[in-house]
Amino acid sequence: MRSLARFPTDGCLYKLWGSQSWLHAAFPGGWTRWKAGPRAGLPAPRSGREKLALSMALVVFSLPASADLVDRIAVAVGNRAIKESQIIGEIRVAAFLNGGPLDLSGPAKRKAAEQLVDQALIRTEMARGSYPAPSDGDVNDLLKRIKDTEFHGDSAAYRTALAKYGLTEADLKAHLAWQLQVLRFIQLRFEPAVRMRAAKNTSAAVIGERVNVEFFAWLDQARARARIQFHDEVFQ
């Protein structure tokens, strides 16, 4: 099994949702290509519907303590609940990774909620199989690549950016661990069948595009089958 810490450069591309341009920059030609973000310079996915989600982590971020503040349930996905704090956390991490503005408006929350719905569906599917979490070494390797790529090894700039977006390094590492686990899920869940059906001389790039099609077709079907209820008052 190929190591997640060393993304292969065989041209196999998995186009996930979100706008994490840094992952493409850190692993050019590797397993994943994210939808173009502010610094990506990459083409958006070709489907008519924007593929939302994997900026991706079901990490709970605490909101400031207040007698009047309640962490509301924003979305119900089957028996899973997505809270408002998770949506805000998703927005914070995505803004940090892209170096963009922190937008906590209603529409921005709704978009992040759509992303987290997809992630919830992936988590449900993962629970049915065996998809191991990445090692600490995998996560630390990816974190180092991000620091080197986005902050040129400047630890002070990195810490300042974390503080600016209201994050800790533990928040970021949890997010990265989830992303790596999803990449492993895609590899193990969809790639074998694609390779089995492919001709012997099929290029890795073509295999990657076919895996994209299989993955997003499954995701669309999972959304169609799921009971998804948005609580609109959270997104006002």
Protein backbone atom coordinates (compact mmCIF):
# COMPACT_ATOMS: atom_id res chain seq x y z
CA MET A 1 0.00 0.00 0.00
CA ARG A 2 1.32 3.41 -0.97
CA SER A 3 2.17 5.78 1.82
CA LEU A 4 0.05 8.87 2.30
CA ALA A 5 3.14 10.67 3.50
CA ARG A 6 4.60 10.37 -0.01
CA PHE A 7 1.95 11.26 -2.51
CA PRO A 8 2.83 9.43 -5.77
CA THR A 9 3.67 11.63 -8.73
CA ASP A 10 2.05 9.33 -11.29
CA GLY A 11 -0.49 11.94 -12.36
CA CYS A 12 -3.38 10.28 -10.52
CA LEU A 13 -5.59 13.21 -9.47
CA TYR A 14 -8.50 13.12 -7.10
CA LYS A 15 -10.49 16.35 -7.38
CA LEU A 16 -12.09 17.00 -4.06
CA TRP A 17 -14.25 19.92 -3.02
CA GLY A 18 -13.28 23.07 -1.19
CA SER A 19 -10.51 25.47 -2.02
CA GLN A 20 -7.32 24.09 -0.47
CA SER A 21 -4.87 25.29 -3.11
CA TRP A 22 -1.95 24.50 -0.80
CA LEU A 23 -2.45 20.75 -1.14
CA HIS A 24 -1.92 20.90 -4.89
CA ALA A 25 1.11 23.10 -4.37
CA ALA A 26 2.57 20.79 -1.75
CA PHE A 27 2.01 17.64 -3.80
CA PRO A 28 2.02 18.62 -7.50
CA GLY A 29 0.74 15.82 -9.67
CA GLY A 30 -0.22 13.81 -6.60
CA TRP A 31 -3.42 12.09 -5.55
CA THR A 32 -5.54 15.15 -5.09
CA ARG A 33 -6.44 18.30 -6.95
CA TRP A 34 -8.68 20.71 -5.09
CA LYS A 35 -11.07 23.10 -6.77
CA ALA A 36 -9.30 26.33 -7.55
CA GLY A 37 -8.84 28.68 -4.61
CA PRO A 38 -7.48 32.23 -4.47
CA ARG A 39 -3.89 31.05 -4.98
CA ALA A 40 -4.44 27.82 -6.86
CA GLY A 41 -4.61 28.78 -10.52
CA LEU A 42 -6.40 25.48 -11.14
CA PRO A 43 -9.53 24.85 -13.21
CA ALA A 44 -12.76 24.26 -11.35
CA PRO A 45 -14.37 20.80 -11.59
CA ARG A 46 -16.23 20.35 -14.83
CA SER A 47 -19.55 19.27 -13.29
CA GLY A 48 -22.47 21.66 -13.40
CA ARG A 49 -22.84 21.63 -9.62
CA GLU A 50 -19.99 22.91 -7.54
CA LYS A 51 -18.57 19.99 -5.59
CA LEU A 52 -18.78 21.07 -2.04
CA ALA A 53 -17.39 19.75 1.15
CA LEU A 54 -13.66 18.18 2.23
CA SER A 55 -12.36 21.82 2.94
CA MET A 56 -13.20 19.26 5.09
CA ALA A 57 -13.21 18.38 8.82
CA LEU A 58 -15.83 17.57 11.38
CA VAL A 59 -13.79 19.32 14.04
CA VAL A 60 -15.66 21.09 16.81
CA PHE A 61 -14.46 24.61 17.51
CA SER A 62 -15.61 26.20 20.75
CA LEU A 63 -17.53 29.45 20.59
CA PRO A 64 -16.99 32.20 23.17
CA ALA A 65 -18.76 31.52 26.44
CA SER A 66 -21.94 33.47 26.91
CA ALA A 67 -25.12 32.97 28.87
CA ASP A 68 -27.11 33.83 25.73
CA LEU A 69 -25.03 31.85 23.24
CA VAL A 70 -26.06 28.30 22.37
CA ASP A 71 -24.23 26.03 19.95
CA ARG A 72 -27.20 25.41 17.69
CA ILE A 73 -27.75 22.37 15.50
CA ALA A 74 -27.50 23.69 11.95
CA VAL A 75 -28.08 20.55 9.90
CA ALA A 76 -29.30 17.02 10.57
CA VAL A 77 -27.88 14.37 8.24
CA GLY A 78 -29.63 11.14 9.13
CA ASN A 79 -28.69 10.57 12.76
CA ARG A 80 -25.69 12.93 12.58
CA ALA A 81 -25.90 16.54 13.72
CA ILE A 82 -23.79 19.38 12.36
CA LYS A 83 -23.50 22.24 14.83
CA GLU A 84 -23.00 25.92 14.14
CA SER A 85 -19.58 25.79 15.81
CA GLN A 86 -18.45 23.11 13.34
CA ILE A 87 -19.51 25.33 10.45
CA ILE A 88 -17.57 28.27 11.86
CA GLY A 89 -14.56 26.03 12.39
CA GLU A 90 -14.75 24.84 8.77
CA ILE A 91 -14.82 28.43 7.56
CA ARG A 92 -11.85 29.40 9.74
CA VAL A 93 -9.66 26.56 8.49
CA ALA A 94 -10.56 27.12 4.83
CA ALA A 95 -9.81 30.85 5.13
CA PHE A 96 -6.49 30.11 6.83
CA LEU A 97 -5.41 27.62 4.18
CA ASN A 98 -6.31 29.99 1.36
CA GLY A 99 -5.11 33.19 3.00
CA GLY A 100 -8.51 34.74 2.32
CA PRO A 101 -10.92 36.85 4.35
CA LEU A 102 -12.86 35.32 7.24
CA ASP A 103 -16.46 35.43 6.03
CA LEU A 104 -18.99 34.39 8.66
CA SER A 105 -22.04 35.63 6.77
CA GLY A 106 -25.17 33.55 6.35
CA PRO A 107 -24.34 32.49 2.76
CA ALA A 108 -20.80 31.55 3.77
CA LYS A 109 -22.17 29.43 6.62
CA ARG A 110 -24.59 27.73 4.24
CA LYS A 111 -21.80 26.86 1.83
CA ALA A 112 -19.67 25.46 4.63
CA ALA A 113 -22.67 23.50 5.90
CA GLU A 114 -23.07 21.92 2.46
CA GLN A 115 -19.42 20.90 2.67
CA LEU A 116 -19.95 19.34 6.06
CA VAL A 117 -22.99 17.43 4.81
CA ASP A 118 -20.77 15.71 2.25
CA GLN A 119 -18.23 14.97 4.95
CA ALA A 120 -20.92 13.45 7.17
CA LEU A 121 -21.94 11.14 4.35
CA ILE A 122 -18.33 10.09 3.87
CA ARG A 123 -18.00 9.38 7.59
CA THR A 124 -21.07 7.19 7.48
CA GLU A 125 -19.63 5.21 4.58
CA MET A 126 -16.26 4.94 6.29
CA ALA A 127 -17.94 3.40 9.33
CA ARG A 128 -19.07 0.50 7.15
CA GLY A 129 -15.53 -0.44 6.16
CA SER A 130 -11.94 -0.31 7.31
CA TYR A 131 -10.33 3.00 6.45
CA PRO A 132 -7.43 3.61 8.85
CA ALA A 133 -6.59 7.06 10.08
CA PRO A 134 -3.26 8.54 8.97
CA SER A 135 -0.31 8.29 11.31
CA ASP A 136 1.02 11.27 13.24
CA GLY A 137 3.98 11.16 10.89
CA ASP A 138 1.72 11.55 7.84
CA VAL A 139 -0.01 14.55 9.39
CA ASN A 140 3.20 16.20 10.57
CA ASP A 141 4.76 15.71 7.13
CA LEU A 142 1.83 17.43 5.45
CA LEU A 143 1.86 20.22 8.04
CA LYS A 144 5.55 20.82 7.39
CA ARG A 145 4.93 21.01 3.65
CA ILE A 146 2.23 23.59 4.21
CA LYS A 147 4.51 25.66 6.44
CA ASP A 148 7.28 25.48 3.85
CA THR A 149 5.00 26.21 0.88
CA GLU A 150 2.72 28.88 2.33
CA PHE A 151 4.95 30.47 4.97
CA HIS A 152 8.43 29.67 3.60
CA GLY A 153 9.40 28.12 6.91
CA ASP A 154 8.66 31.35 8.82
CA SER A 155 7.33 30.09 12.16
CA ALA A 156 6.35 33.55 13.35
CA ALA A 157 4.25 34.20 10.23
CA TYR A 158 2.62 30.81 10.63
CA ARG A 159 1.70 31.46 14.27
CA THR A 160 0.42 34.94 13.41
CA ALA A 161 -1.82 33.48 10.70
CA LEU A 162 -3.23 30.88 13.08
CA ALA A 163 -4.07 33.61 15.61
CA LYS A 164 -5.61 35.79 12.91
CA TYR A 165 -8.10 33.08 11.99
CA GLY A 166 -8.76 32.00 15.58
CA LEU A 167 -7.13 28.58 15.22
CA THR A 168 -4.66 26.47 17.12
CA GLU A 169 -2.20 24.07 15.56
CA ALA A 170 -4.24 21.21 17.04
CA ASP A 171 -7.29 22.48 15.10
CA LEU A 172 -5.30 22.54 11.88
CA LYS A 173 -3.74 19.11 12.40
CA ALA A 174 -7.15 17.56 13.06
CA HIS A 175 -8.36 19.04 9.78
CA LEU A 176 -5.34 17.74 7.88
CA ALA A 177 -5.71 14.28 9.40
CA TRP A 178 -9.29 14.15 8.18
CA GLN A 179 -8.31 15.20 4.67
CA LEU A 180 -5.65 12.53 4.50
CA GLN A 181 -8.10 9.92 5.72
CA VAL A 182 -10.55 10.90 2.99
CA LEU A 183 -7.82 10.51 0.38
CA ARG A 184 -7.21 7.00 1.68
CA PHE A 185 -10.95 6.33 1.57
CA ILE A 186 -11.11 7.38 -2.08
CA GLN A 187 -8.11 5.26 -2.97
CA LEU A 188 -9.38 2.12 -1.26
CA ARG A 189 -13.08 2.54 -2.03
CA PHE A 190 -13.04 3.58 -5.70
CA GLU A 191 -9.67 3.06 -7.36
CA PRO A 192 -9.54 -0.78 -7.40
CA ALA A 193 -12.74 -1.16 -9.44
CA VAL A 194 -11.63 1.57 -11.85
CA ARG A 195 -8.28 -0.14 -12.42
CA MET A 196 -9.93 -3.52 -12.86
CA ARG A 197 -12.12 -2.20 -15.68
CA ALA A 198 -9.36 -0.17 -17.34
CA ALA A 199 -7.24 -1.40 -20.23
CA LYS A 200 -3.68 -2.33 -19.36
CA ASN A 201 -2.17 0.75 -21.00
CA THR A 202 -4.59 3.27 -19.47
CA SER A 203 -2.68 6.27 -18.13
CA ALA A 204 -2.66 7.17 -14.48
CA ALA A 205 -4.23 10.55 -15.31
CA VAL A 206 -7.18 8.84 -16.99
CA ILE A 207 -7.51 6.46 -14.04
CA GLY A 208 -7.62 9.48 -11.74
CA GLU A 209 -10.34 11.18 -13.77
CA ARG A 210 -12.43 8.01 -13.75
CA VAL A 211 -12.00 7.73 -9.99
CA ASN A 212 -13.28 11.32 -9.74
CA VAL A 213 -16.38 10.36 -11.71
CA GLU A 214 -17.00 7.29 -9.55
CA PHE A 215 -16.48 9.19 -6.32
CA PHE A 216 -18.75 12.12 -7.13
CA ALA A 217 -21.42 9.85 -8.61
CA TRP A 218 -21.44 7.95 -5.33
CA LEU A 219 -21.55 11.20 -3.35
CA ASP A 220 -24.51 12.50 -5.38
CA GLN A 221 -26.37 9.23 -4.82
CA ALA A 222 -25.58 9.31 -1.10
CA ARG A 223 -27.00 12.84 -0.84
CA ALA A 224 -30.12 11.83 -2.75
CA ARG A 225 -30.75 8.94 -0.34
CA ALA A 226 -29.96 10.82 2.86
CA ARG A 227 -32.39 12.65 5.12
CA ILE A 228 -30.92 16.14 5.23
CA GLN A 229 -32.60 18.95 7.16
CA PHE A 230 -31.18 22.47 7.31
CA HIS A 231 -32.23 24.77 10.16
CA ASP A 232 -32.55 28.00 8.23
CA GLU A 233 -32.39 30.27 11.27
CA VAL A 234 -28.69 29.42 11.66
CA PHE A 235 -27.95 30.86 8.23
CA GLN A 236 -29.73 34.19 8.59
